[in-house]
């Protein structure tokens, strides 16, 4: 499968930080980069190697440097970028939400961003 998405370590000047590394797409990014010989750092809310483990063997997983933290915490992100020496960031972290129409948009705005309810909002 890795032959369909060739990645060359020569394309990177140093370590690559992958946010959302425990997710589906993040796991593929980790696997492709590691397979190419790129130094890769994984960043996610928690260290969970189950999905990446479906694509990489234990030796490959062991070469990935894992960091736990919240992408919404600016200081945590700055710290992991500095610690990893990342020269590139593949940002795949996201806040998963269930789409429930206009109500979910209000929920995301109010709960996650601490914003007031939009004018004209109807339950």
Protein backbone atom coordinates (compact mmCIF):
# COMPACT_ATOMS: atom_id res chain seq x y z
CA UNK A 1 0.00 0.00 0.00
CA UNK A 2 2.87 2.38 0.74
CA UNK A 3 3.91 2.26 -2.91
CA UNK A 4 0.69 4.02 -3.92
CA UNK A 5 1.60 7.07 -1.80
CA UNK A 6 5.37 7.47 -2.08
CA UNK A 7 7.02 9.82 0.40
CA UNK A 8 10.70 10.69 0.26
CA UNK A 9 12.65 11.61 3.37
CA UNK A 10 14.65 13.99 1.15
CA UNK A 11 11.58 16.23 0.96
CA UNK A 12 11.89 17.08 4.67
CA UNK A 13 14.59 19.16 6.36
CA UNK A 14 14.02 17.54 9.73
CA UNK A 15 11.40 16.04 12.01
CA UNK A 16 7.71 16.20 11.12
CA UNK A 17 5.01 16.75 13.75
CA UNK A 18 1.62 15.14 13.03
CA UNK A 19 -1.30 16.49 15.05
CA UNK A 20 -4.29 14.20 15.44
CA UNK A 21 -1.85 11.32 15.06
CA UNK A 22 -4.13 8.77 16.72
CA UNK A 23 -6.94 9.32 14.23
CA UNK A 24 -7.58 7.58 10.95
CA UNK A 25 -5.84 10.02 8.61
CA UNK A 26 -3.17 10.85 11.19
CA UNK A 27 -2.30 7.16 11.47
CA UNK A 28 -1.75 6.95 7.72
CA UNK A 29 0.41 10.09 7.79
CA UNK A 30 2.54 8.55 10.57
CA UNK A 31 2.87 5.26 8.74
CA UNK A 32 3.81 6.83 5.41
CA UNK A 33 6.38 9.16 6.96
CA UNK A 34 7.93 6.48 9.16
CA UNK A 35 8.04 4.02 6.24
CA UNK A 36 9.99 6.66 4.26
CA UNK A 37 12.51 7.07 7.07
CA UNK A 38 11.34 10.50 8.20
CA UNK A 39 11.72 11.30 11.91
CA UNK A 40 8.11 11.66 12.97
CA UNK A 41 6.51 13.01 16.15
CA UNK A 42 2.90 12.22 17.01
CA UNK A 43 0.70 14.70 18.91
CA UNK A 44 -2.79 13.89 20.17
CA UNK A 45 -4.96 14.28 23.26
CA UNK A 46 -3.64 10.99 24.58
CA UNK A 47 -1.10 8.44 23.52
CA UNK A 48 -3.19 5.83 21.78
CA UNK A 49 -1.34 3.61 19.33
CA UNK A 50 -4.26 1.34 18.39
CA UNK A 51 -5.03 2.86 14.97
CA UNK A 52 -1.40 3.45 13.97
CA UNK A 53 -0.72 -0.11 15.14
CA UNK A 54 -3.02 -1.39 12.41
CA UNK A 55 -0.63 0.07 9.83
CA UNK A 56 2.78 -0.27 11.49
CA UNK A 57 4.58 -3.07 13.28
CA UNK A 58 5.92 -2.67 16.81
CA UNK A 59 9.39 -1.65 15.60
CA UNK A 60 7.98 1.15 13.43
CA UNK A 61 5.67 2.31 16.24
CA UNK A 62 8.68 2.40 18.53
CA UNK A 63 10.46 4.85 16.22
CA UNK A 64 7.60 7.36 16.45
CA UNK A 65 8.01 9.88 19.27
CA UNK A 66 4.66 10.39 21.02
CA UNK A 67 3.46 13.55 22.77
CA UNK A 68 0.13 13.98 24.56
CA UNK A 69 -1.57 17.36 24.67
CA UNK A 70 -4.46 19.50 23.54
CA UNK A 71 -4.16 21.32 20.22
CA UNK A 72 -6.34 24.06 21.72
CA UNK A 73 -3.62 24.77 24.32
CA UNK A 74 -1.26 27.19 22.60
CA UNK A 75 1.49 26.71 25.16
CA UNK A 76 1.35 22.92 24.81
CA UNK A 77 1.63 23.22 21.03
CA UNK A 78 4.57 25.62 21.28
CA UNK A 79 6.29 23.29 23.74
CA UNK A 80 5.91 20.19 21.56
CA UNK A 81 7.09 22.05 18.45
CA UNK A 82 10.17 23.24 20.32
CA UNK A 83 10.85 19.86 21.96
CA UNK A 84 10.44 17.92 18.70
CA UNK A 85 12.46 20.33 16.58
CA UNK A 86 9.75 19.98 13.95
CA UNK A 87 10.55 21.49 10.58
CA UNK A 88 7.10 20.66 9.23
CA UNK A 89 3.68 20.18 10.79
CA UNK A 90 0.89 18.10 9.31
CA UNK A 91 -2.16 19.41 11.14
CA UNK A 92 -4.92 16.80 11.25
CA UNK A 93 -6.30 17.36 14.75
CA UNK A 94 -9.95 18.34 14.84
CA UNK A 95 -12.87 18.67 17.19
CA UNK A 96 -15.32 15.95 16.21
CA UNK A 97 -18.92 17.12 16.29
CA UNK A 98 -22.18 15.54 15.31
CA UNK A 99 -23.94 17.69 12.72
CA UNK A 100 -27.40 18.55 13.95
CA UNK A 101 -28.02 21.56 11.75
CA UNK A 102 -28.00 25.06 13.22
CA UNK A 103 -28.20 23.67 16.78
CA UNK A 104 -24.77 22.01 16.54
CA UNK A 105 -23.23 25.25 15.28
CA UNK A 106 -24.58 27.05 18.34
CA UNK A 107 -23.30 24.26 20.59
CA UNK A 108 -19.79 24.40 19.12
CA UNK A 109 -19.76 28.18 19.40
CA UNK A 110 -21.08 28.29 22.96
CA UNK A 111 -19.34 25.26 24.49
CA UNK A 112 -16.01 25.29 22.70
CA UNK A 113 -15.48 28.95 21.96
CA UNK A 114 -17.45 30.36 24.89
CA UNK A 115 -19.39 32.68 22.61
CA UNK A 116 -22.91 33.95 23.24
CA UNK A 117 -25.90 32.47 21.49
CA UNK A 118 -26.29 33.97 18.00
CA UNK A 119 -29.05 36.53 17.43
CA UNK A 120 -32.16 35.08 15.86
CA UNK A 121 -31.34 31.55 17.03
CA UNK A 122 -34.44 29.40 17.35
CA UNK A 123 -34.57 26.07 19.16
